[in-house]
Amino acid sequence: MSASPQMKETFARSSVSCLTGSDLHSIPAVRGDPCWQVTQQLHLLIEKSVSQRYQRLISTAVKDEVSRVLPSLVMDDRASPRPKVAAHVTGSFAPKLEHDEGGPVSAGRRVQGQKISWWEGRKGLAFLQDVQLVDGELVVSQPGLYYVYAQTYFRHTHSLEEDGEEVGDRGKPLLQYVYKKVSSYPVPILLMKTSRTSCWSRGSDFSLHSAHQGGLFPLTTGDRLFVTVTNASAVDMDEKSSFFGAFLIS
């Protein structure tokens, strides 16, 4: 028994019939037409799918490039978000006289150099995020693998006595140390050290030298980090020249 012409026409106008056409764009744009409604929804779905795929490809390309340059900053998408634990302290804006009155402080017999205690933790470029600054020491709040770094900028003024020295006698080592204090051990643990030898010409009034170092270290809650140098009075405590920090990697 053949279907009535009215039923055939209804089927021809159905959503299934709309998708069997050779050219979906040729369907008249009549809002009340079921075929037009189906094709519009289909076009929107295709555009959304293509857009999402394009965004994923772009995101992957950017992530791959960041991973190539800074692999430690890229995490697996399935991993939990990395805690935002970081600190960057800088040379203090306080006058030099205040530095001289308050320190440099000795870090103890078993620690080399003089501890820098006048770091700035809030103003300017400095910040503290889930890390405390106590007596010039960064106090860790969460356990994990941290990247620790420090830079000190030495401005060495030449005295009259130095002007008469031979060239070989005018080199002075400038050392920087980064220590860790732990509650289970009475003596601070040396994490890093670096040195620069200051040499200058006879006609100069002062010389500038920077010492920078950084490395990855496992730290636990309550660990304290601090910096010492061989000549704290020669450190230029400008915020862009001398700084110290750490941030949680994983």
C-alpha atoms as a PDB file:
ATOM      1  CA  MET A   1       0.000   0.000   0.000  1.00  0.00           C
ATOM      2  CA  SER A   2       1.553   3.256  -1.086  1.00  0.00           C
ATOM      3  CA  ALA A   3       1.772   6.227   1.218  1.00  0.00           C
ATOM      4  CA  SER A   4      -0.508   9.150   0.551  1.00  0.00           C
ATOM      5  CA  PRO A   5       0.960  12.207  -1.168  1.00  0.00           C
ATOM      6  CA  GLN A   6       0.478  14.209   2.031  1.00  0.00           C
ATOM      7  CA  MET A   7       2.594  11.725   4.054  1.00  0.00           C
ATOM      8  CA  LYS A   8       5.315  11.732   1.380  1.00  0.00           C
ATOM      9  CA  GLU A   9       5.422  15.517   1.480  1.00  0.00           C
ATOM     10  CA  THR A  10       5.660  15.504   5.290  1.00  0.00           C
ATOM     11  CA  PHE A  11       8.583  13.061   5.192  1.00  0.00           C
ATOM     12  CA  ALA A  12      10.293  15.076   2.492  1.00  0.00           C
ATOM     13  CA  ARG A  13      10.119  18.079   4.752  1.00  0.00           C
ATOM     14  CA  SER A  14      11.333  16.180   7.842  1.00  0.00           C
ATOM     15  CA  SER A  15      14.710  16.734   9.521  1.00  0.00           C
ATOM     16  CA  VAL A  16      16.092  13.442   8.187  1.00  0.00           C
ATOM     17  CA  SER A  17      15.279  14.346   4.643  1.00  0.00           C
ATOM     18  CA  CYS A  18      16.990  17.707   5.094  1.00  0.00           C
ATOM     19  CA  LEU A  19      20.344  16.048   5.751  1.00  0.00           C
ATOM     20  CA  THR A  20      20.235  13.884   2.611  1.00  0.00           C
ATOM     21  CA  GLY A  21      20.428  16.817   0.236  1.00  0.00           C
ATOM     22  CA  SER A  22      23.589  17.430  -1.773  1.00  0.00           C
ATOM     23  CA  ASP A  23      23.811  21.094  -0.804  1.00  0.00           C
ATOM     24  CA  LEU A  24      22.696  22.163   2.655  1.00  0.00           C
ATOM     25  CA  HIS A  25      23.293  25.825   1.803  1.00  0.00           C
ATOM     26  CA  SER A  26      20.634  25.715  -0.960  1.00  0.00           C
ATOM     27  CA  ILE A  27      17.763  25.328   1.522  1.00  0.00           C
ATOM     28  CA  PRO A  28      15.636  28.518   1.569  1.00  0.00           C
ATOM     29  CA  ALA A  29      16.043  30.664   4.673  1.00  0.00           C
ATOM     30  CA  VAL A  30      12.461  30.457   5.890  1.00  0.00           C
ATOM     31  CA  ARG A  31      12.282  30.541   9.686  1.00  0.00           C
ATOM     32  CA  GLY A  32       9.106  28.479   9.847  1.00  0.00           C
ATOM     33  CA  ASP A  33      10.564  25.777   7.618  1.00  0.00           C
ATOM     34  CA  PRO A  34      11.693  22.661   9.625  1.00  0.00           C
ATOM     35  CA  CYS A  35      14.561  22.026   7.182  1.00  0.00           C
ATOM     36  CA  TRP A  36      15.930  25.506   7.668  1.00  0.00           C
ATOM     37  CA  GLN A  37      15.797  25.102  11.454  1.00  0.00           C
ATOM     38  CA  VAL A  38      17.648  21.764  11.311  1.00  0.00           C
ATOM     39  CA  THR A  39      20.384  23.045   9.023  1.00  0.00           C
ATOM     40  CA  GLN A  40      20.865  26.157  11.160  1.00  0.00           C
ATOM     41  CA  GLN A  41      21.368  24.012  14.260  1.00  0.00           C
ATOM     42  CA  LEU A  42      23.757  21.788  12.320  1.00  0.00           C
ATOM     43  CA  HIS A  43      25.798  24.756  11.115  1.00  0.00           C
ATOM     44  CA  LEU A  44      26.054  26.138  14.659  1.00  0.00           C
ATOM     45  CA  LEU A  45      27.170  22.746  15.974  1.00  0.00           C
ATOM     46  CA  ILE A  46      29.854  22.425  13.289  1.00  0.00           C
ATOM     47  CA  GLU A  47      31.130  25.952  13.948  1.00  0.00           C
ATOM     48  CA  LYS A  48      31.303  25.298  17.700  1.00  0.00           C
ATOM     49  CA  SER A  49      33.148  22.001  17.196  1.00  0.00           C
ATOM     50  CA  VAL A  50      35.665  23.548  14.789  1.00  0.00           C
ATOM     51  CA  SER A  51      36.198  26.522  17.119  1.00  0.00           C
ATOM     52  CA  GLN A  52      36.839  24.279  20.137  1.00  0.00           C
ATOM     53  CA  ARG A  53      39.276  22.128  18.171  1.00  0.00           C
ATOM     54  CA  TYR A  54      41.106  25.211  16.914  1.00  0.00           C
ATOM     55  CA  GLN A  55      41.401  26.579  20.458  1.00  0.00           C
ATOM     56  CA  ARG A  56      42.768  23.240  21.691  1.00  0.00           C
ATOM     57  CA  LEU A  57      45.359  23.185  18.912  1.00  0.00           C
ATOM     58  CA  ILE A  58      46.440  26.754  19.670  1.00  0.00           C
ATOM     59  CA  SER A  59      46.561  26.015  23.407  1.00  0.00           C
ATOM     60  CA  THR A  60      48.675  22.914  22.769  1.00  0.00           C
ATOM     61  CA  ALA A  61      51.070  24.836  20.519  1.00  0.00           C
ATOM     62  CA  VAL A  62      51.523  27.587  23.110  1.00  0.00           C
ATOM     63  CA  LYS A  63      51.918  25.054  25.909  1.00  0.00           C
ATOM     64  CA  ASP A  64      54.553  23.132  23.923  1.00  0.00           C
ATOM     65  CA  GLU A  65      56.536  26.324  23.348  1.00  0.00           C
ATOM     66  CA  VAL A  66      56.360  27.312  27.023  1.00  0.00           C
ATOM     67  CA  SER A  67      57.355  23.778  27.970  1.00  0.00           C
ATOM     68  CA  ARG A  68      60.389  23.996  25.707  1.00  0.00           C
ATOM     69  CA  VAL A  69      61.580  27.260  27.278  1.00  0.00           C
ATOM     70  CA  LEU A  70      60.386  26.793  30.883  1.00  0.00           C
ATOM     71  CA  PRO A  71      59.461  23.137  31.406  1.00  0.00           C
ATOM     72  CA  SER A  72      58.942  23.595  35.137  1.00  0.00           C
ATOM     73  CA  LEU A  73      56.019  25.964  34.559  1.00  0.00           C
ATOM     74  CA  VAL A  74      53.933  23.464  32.544  1.00  0.00           C
ATOM     75  CA  MET A  75      51.896  20.827  34.335  1.00  0.00           C
ATOM     76  CA  ASP A  76      49.871  17.887  33.109  1.00  0.00           C
ATOM     77  CA  ASP A  77      46.247  18.932  32.588  1.00  0.00           C
ATOM     78  CA  ARG A  78      45.165  16.015  34.757  1.00  0.00           C
ATOM     79  CA  ALA A  79      47.259  17.161  37.701  1.00  0.00           C
ATOM     80  CA  SER A  80      45.863  19.297  40.480  1.00  0.00           C
ATOM     81  CA  PRO A  81      46.544  23.058  40.330  1.00  0.00           C
ATOM     82  CA  ARG A  82      49.954  24.055  41.656  1.00  0.00           C
ATOM     83  CA  PRO A  83      49.777  25.988  44.933  1.00  0.00           C
ATOM     84  CA  LYS A  84      50.709  29.625  44.515  1.00  0.00           C
ATOM     85  CA  VAL A  85      53.608  29.740  46.948  1.00  0.00           C
ATOM     86  CA  ALA A  86      56.333  32.257  46.144  1.00  0.00           C
ATOM     87  CA  ALA A  87      58.421  35.080  47.562  1.00  0.00           C
ATOM     88  CA  HIS A  88      60.646  37.756  46.062  1.00  0.00           C
ATOM     89  CA  VAL A  89      62.322  40.108  48.529  1.00  0.00           C
ATOM     90  CA  THR A  90      64.493  43.000  47.471  1.00  0.00           C
ATOM     91  CA  GLY A  91      67.001  45.489  48.717  1.00  0.00           C
ATOM     92  CA  SER A  92      65.390  47.772  51.268  1.00  0.00           C
ATOM     93  CA  PHE A  93      64.446  51.386  50.565  1.00  0.00           C
ATOM     94  CA  ALA A  94      65.639  52.285  54.084  1.00  0.00           C
ATOM     95  CA  PRO A  95      68.561  54.743  54.309  1.00  0.00           C
ATOM     96  CA  LYS A  96      72.083  53.372  54.424  1.00  0.00           C
ATOM     97  CA  LEU A  97      72.515  54.726  57.966  1.00  0.00           C
ATOM     98  CA  GLU A  98      69.690  52.527  59.178  1.00  0.00           C
ATOM     99  CA  HIS A  99      71.407  49.529  57.641  1.00  0.00           C
ATOM    100  CA  ASP A 100      74.613  50.346  59.441  1.00  0.00           C
ATOM    101  CA  GLU A 101      72.834  50.752  62.769  1.00  0.00           C
ATOM    102  CA  GLY A 102      70.881  47.516  62.486  1.00  0.00           C
ATOM    103  CA  GLY A 103      73.507  45.202  61.038  1.00  0.00           C
ATOM    104  CA  PRO A 104      75.058  43.420  59.251  1.00  0.00           C
ATOM    105  CA  VAL A 105      74.379  40.618  61.635  1.00  0.00           C
ATOM    106  CA  SER A 106      76.684  37.707  62.215  1.00  0.00           C
ATOM    107  CA  ALA A 107      75.030  34.414  61.321  1.00  0.00           C
ATOM    108  CA  GLY A 108      77.084  32.412  63.812  1.00  0.00           C
ATOM    109  CA  ARG A 109      80.455  30.732  63.971  1.00  0.00           C
ATOM    110  CA  ARG A 110      79.507  27.837  61.727  1.00  0.00           C
ATOM    111  CA  VAL A 111      78.059  30.096  59.052  1.00  0.00           C
ATOM    112  CA  GLN A 112      80.319  31.939  56.638  1.00  0.00           C
ATOM    113  CA  GLY A 113      79.857  35.621  55.904  1.00  0.00           C
ATOM    114  CA  GLN A 114      77.487  38.241  57.302  1.00  0.00           C
ATOM    115  CA  LYS A 115      73.756  37.721  57.128  1.00  0.00           C
ATOM    116  CA  ILE A 116      71.702  40.253  55.162  1.00  0.00           C
ATOM    117  CA  SER A 117      68.724  41.004  57.370  1.00  0.00           C
ATOM    118  CA  TRP A 118      67.192  44.156  55.840  1.00  0.00           C
ATOM    119  CA  TRP A 119      65.240  42.674  52.923  1.00  0.00           C
ATOM    120  CA  GLU A 120      62.016  44.383  51.819  1.00  0.00           C
ATOM    121  CA  GLY A 121      59.040  42.031  51.491  1.00  0.00           C
ATOM    122  CA  ARG A 122      56.062  44.228  50.568  1.00  0.00           C
ATOM    123  CA  LYS A 123      56.990  47.429  48.735  1.00  0.00           C
ATOM    124  CA  GLY A 124      58.063  47.980  45.155  1.00  0.00           C
ATOM    125  CA  LEU A 125      58.927  44.793  43.286  1.00  0.00           C
ATOM    126  CA  ALA A 126      58.861  42.646  46.423  1.00  0.00           C
ATOM    127  CA  PHE A 127      56.017  40.310  47.339  1.00  0.00           C
ATOM    128  CA  LEU A 128      55.247  37.455  49.730  1.00  0.00           C
ATOM    129  CA  GLN A 129      52.690  34.816  48.797  1.00  0.00           C
ATOM    130  CA  ASP A 130      52.172  32.137  51.444  1.00  0.00           C
ATOM    131  CA  VAL A 131      55.784  32.673  52.580  1.00  0.00           C
ATOM    132  CA  GLN A 132      56.867  34.722  55.617  1.00  0.00           C
ATOM    133  CA  LEU A 133      59.829  37.074  55.991  1.00  0.00           C
ATOM    134  CA  VAL A 134      61.208  37.003  59.547  1.00  0.00           C
ATOM    135  CA  ASP A 135      64.538  38.627  60.500  1.00  0.00           C
ATOM    136  CA  GLY A 136      65.747  38.526  56.916  1.00  0.00           C
ATOM    137  CA  GLU A 137      64.801  34.858  56.518  1.00  0.00           C
ATOM    138  CA  LEU A 138      62.163  33.322  54.241  1.00  0.00           C
ATOM    139  CA  VAL A 139      60.016  30.865  56.199  1.00  0.00           C
ATOM    140  CA  VAL A 140      58.527  28.037  54.114  1.00  0.00           C
ATOM    141  CA  SER A 141      54.842  27.283  54.714  1.00  0.00           C
ATOM    142  CA  GLN A 142      54.322  24.263  52.453  1.00  0.00           C
ATOM    143  CA  PRO A 143      56.584  21.288  51.705  1.00  0.00           C
ATOM    144  CA  GLY A 144      57.756  20.629  48.168  1.00  0.00           C
ATOM    145  CA  LEU A 145      60.432  21.235  45.574  1.00  0.00           C
ATOM    146  CA  TYR A 146      61.441  24.908  45.449  1.00  0.00           C
ATOM    147  CA  TYR A 147      63.558  27.003  43.123  1.00  0.00           C
ATOM    148  CA  VAL A 148      65.715  29.251  45.318  1.00  0.00           C
ATOM    149  CA  TYR A 149      67.692  32.204  43.942  1.00  0.00           C
ATOM    150  CA  ALA A 150      69.690  35.171  45.182  1.00  0.00           C
ATOM    151  CA  GLN A 151      71.590  38.095  43.722  1.00  0.00           C
ATOM    152  CA  THR A 152      73.755  40.629  45.514  1.00  0.00           C
ATOM    153  CA  TYR A 153      75.258  43.691  43.896  1.00  0.00           C
ATOM    154  CA  PHE A 154      78.541  44.867  45.376  1.00  0.00           C
ATOM    155  CA  ARG A 155      79.655  48.487  45.127  1.00  0.00           C
ATOM    156  CA  HIS A 156      83.233  48.484  46.368  1.00  0.00           C
ATOM    157  CA  THR A 157      84.751  51.907  47.107  1.00  0.00           C
ATOM    158  CA  HIS A 158      88.507  52.095  46.680  1.00  0.00           C
ATOM    159  CA  SER A 159      90.543  53.557  49.526  1.00  0.00           C
ATOM    160  CA  LEU A 160      93.749  55.548  49.207  1.00  0.00           C
ATOM    161  CA  GLU A 161      95.730  52.621  50.545  1.00  0.00           C
ATOM    162  CA  GLU A 162      94.443  50.390  47.764  1.00  0.00           C
ATOM    163  CA  ASP A 163      95.628  52.838  45.105  1.00  0.00           C
ATOM    164  CA  GLY A 164      99.233  52.082  46.032  1.00  0.00           C
ATOM    165  CA  GLU A 165      98.891  48.305  45.847  1.00  0.00           C
ATOM    166  CA  GLU A 166     100.143  46.178  43.019  1.00  0.00           C
ATOM    167  CA  VAL A 167      97.636  44.891  40.490  1.00  0.00           C
ATOM    168  CA  GLY A 168      97.953  41.354  41.836  1.00  0.00           C
ATOM    169  CA  ASP A 169      97.045  42.525  45.346  1.00  0.00           C
ATOM    170  CA  ARG A 170      93.966  44.470  44.293  1.00  0.00           C
ATOM    171  CA  GLY A 171      91.716  41.473  43.688  1.00  0.00           C
ATOM    172  CA  LYS A 172      89.282  40.827  46.530  1.00  0.00           C
ATOM    173  CA  PRO A 173      86.911  37.843  46.584  1.00  0.00           C
ATOM    174  CA  LEU A 174      83.237  38.724  47.082  1.00  0.00           C
ATOM    175  CA  LEU A 175      81.286  35.672  48.187  1.00  0.00           C
ATOM    176  CA  GLN A 176      77.581  35.018  48.525  1.00  0.00           C
ATOM    177  CA  TYR A 177      76.063  32.082  50.434  1.00  0.00           C
ATOM    178  CA  VAL A 178      72.505  30.754  50.690  1.00  0.00           C
ATOM    179  CA  TYR A 179      71.714  28.751  53.829  1.00  0.00           C
ATOM    180  CA  LYS A 180      68.803  26.686  55.077  1.00  0.00           C
ATOM    181  CA  LYS A 181      67.743  26.309  58.702  1.00  0.00           C
ATOM    182  CA  VAL A 182      65.822  23.195  59.718  1.00  0.00           C
ATOM    183  CA  SER A 183      64.246  22.424  63.082  1.00  0.00           C
ATOM    184  CA  SER A 184      65.841  18.981  63.289  1.00  0.00           C
ATOM    185  CA  TYR A 185      69.451  20.194  62.957  1.00  0.00           C
ATOM    186  CA  PRO A 186      71.139  22.908  65.063  1.00  0.00           C
ATOM    187  CA  VAL A 187      73.529  24.176  62.381  1.00  0.00           C
ATOM    188  CA  PRO A 188      72.366  25.975  59.204  1.00  0.00           C
ATOM    189  CA  ILE A 189      72.935  23.937  56.041  1.00  0.00           C
ATOM    190  CA  LEU A 190      74.779  25.532  53.120  1.00  0.00           C
ATOM    191  CA  LEU A 191      72.722  25.175  49.929  1.00  0.00           C
ATOM    192  CA  MET A 192      74.723  27.300  47.484  1.00  0.00           C
ATOM    193  CA  LYS A 193      77.686  29.612  47.252  1.00  0.00           C
ATOM    194  CA  THR A 194      79.201  31.727  44.528  1.00  0.00           C
ATOM    195  CA  SER A 195      82.091  34.170  44.313  1.00  0.00           C
ATOM    196  CA  ARG A 196      83.419  37.045  42.262  1.00  0.00           C
ATOM    197  CA  THR A 197      86.898  38.505  42.400  1.00  0.00           C
ATOM    198  CA  SER A 198      86.858  42.292  42.328  1.00  0.00           C
ATOM    199  CA  CYS A 199      89.581  43.893  40.256  1.00  0.00           C
ATOM    200  CA  TRP A 200      89.671  47.535  39.266  1.00  0.00           C
ATOM    201  CA  SER A 201      91.836  50.065  37.516  1.00  0.00           C
ATOM    202  CA  ARG A 202      93.921  52.507  39.505  1.00  0.00           C
ATOM    203  CA  GLY A 203      92.003  55.555  38.276  1.00  0.00           C
ATOM    204  CA  SER A 204      88.526  54.363  39.275  1.00  0.00           C
ATOM    205  CA  ASP A 205      86.783  55.428  42.483  1.00  0.00           C
ATOM    206  CA  PHE A 206      84.684  52.277  42.868  1.00  0.00           C
ATOM    207  CA  SER A 207      83.908  48.965  41.196  1.00  0.00           C
ATOM    208  CA  LEU A 208      80.625  47.112  40.653  1.00  0.00           C
ATOM    209  CA  HIS A 209      80.223  43.355  40.812  1.00  0.00           C
ATOM    210  CA  SER A 210      77.173  41.097  40.982  1.00  0.00           C
ATOM    211  CA  ALA A 211      76.920  37.569  42.338  1.00  0.00           C
ATOM    212  CA  HIS A 212      73.949  35.456  41.288  1.00  0.00           C
ATOM    213  CA  GLN A 213      72.997  31.835  41.876  1.00  0.00           C
ATOM    214  CA  GLY A 214      69.936  29.601  41.916  1.00  0.00           C
ATOM    215  CA  GLY A 215      68.955  25.974  42.281  1.00  0.00           C
ATOM    216  CA  LEU A 216      66.236  23.434  43.084  1.00  0.00           C
ATOM    217  CA  PHE A 217      65.909  22.161  46.651  1.00  0.00           C
ATOM    218  CA  PRO A 218      63.366  20.068  48.574  1.00  0.00           C
ATOM    219  CA  LEU A 219      62.054  22.065  51.529  1.00  0.00           C
ATOM    220  CA  THR A 220      59.680  21.240  54.355  1.00  0.00           C
ATOM    221  CA  THR A 221      57.262  23.337  56.387  1.00  0.00           C
ATOM    222  CA  GLY A 222      59.141  25.622  58.772  1.00  0.00           C
ATOM    223  CA  ASP A 223      62.452  25.617  56.867  1.00  0.00           C
ATOM    224  CA  ARG A 224      64.105  29.039  56.804  1.00  0.00           C
ATOM    225  CA  LEU A 225      66.298  30.452  54.029  1.00  0.00           C
ATOM    226  CA  PHE A 226      68.769  33.318  54.363  1.00  0.00           C
ATOM    227  CA  VAL A 227      71.661  34.951  52.503  1.00  0.00           C
ATOM    228  CA  THR A 228      75.122  35.870  53.773  1.00  0.00           C
ATOM    229  CA  VAL A 229      77.973  37.722  52.083  1.00  0.00           C
ATOM    230  CA  THR A 230      81.611  38.354  52.900  1.00  0.00           C
ATOM    231  CA  ASN A 231      81.228  42.147  52.956  1.00  0.00           C
ATOM    232  CA  ALA A 232      77.657  43.223  53.754  1.00  0.00           C
ATOM    233  CA  SER A 233      78.575  46.916  53.969  1.00  0.00           C
ATOM    234  CA  ALA A 234      79.529  46.869  50.266  1.00  0.00           C
ATOM    235  CA  VAL A 235      76.170  45.491  49.083  1.00  0.00           C
ATOM    236  CA  ASP A 236      74.116  47.925  46.997  1.00  0.00           C
ATOM    237  CA  MET A 237      70.570  47.351  48.275  1.00  0.00           C
ATOM    238  CA  ASP A 238      68.715  48.722  45.262  1.00  0.00           C
ATOM    239  CA  GLU A 239      65.615  46.596  44.611  1.00  0.00           C
ATOM    240  CA  LYS A 240      66.628  45.806  41.033  1.00  0.00           C
ATOM    241  CA  SER A 241      70.218  44.967  41.944  1.00  0.00           C
ATOM    242  CA  SER A 242      70.020  42.855  45.099  1.00  0.00           C
ATOM    243  CA  PHE A 243      67.187  40.400  45.667  1.00  0.00           C
ATOM    244  CA  PHE A 244      66.378  36.978  47.074  1.00  0.00           C
ATOM    245  CA  GLY A 245      63.475  34.598  46.550  1.00  0.00           C
ATOM    246  CA  ALA A 246      61.960  31.165  46.216  1.00  0.00           C
ATOM    247  CA  PHE A 247      58.906  29.613  44.595  1.00  0.00           C
ATOM    248  CA  LEU A 248      57.231  26.225  44.775  1.00  0.00           C
ATOM    249  CA  ILE A 249      57.702  24.012  41.706  1.00  0.00           C
ATOM    250  CA  SER A 250      55.866  20.871  42.778  1.00  0.00           C
END
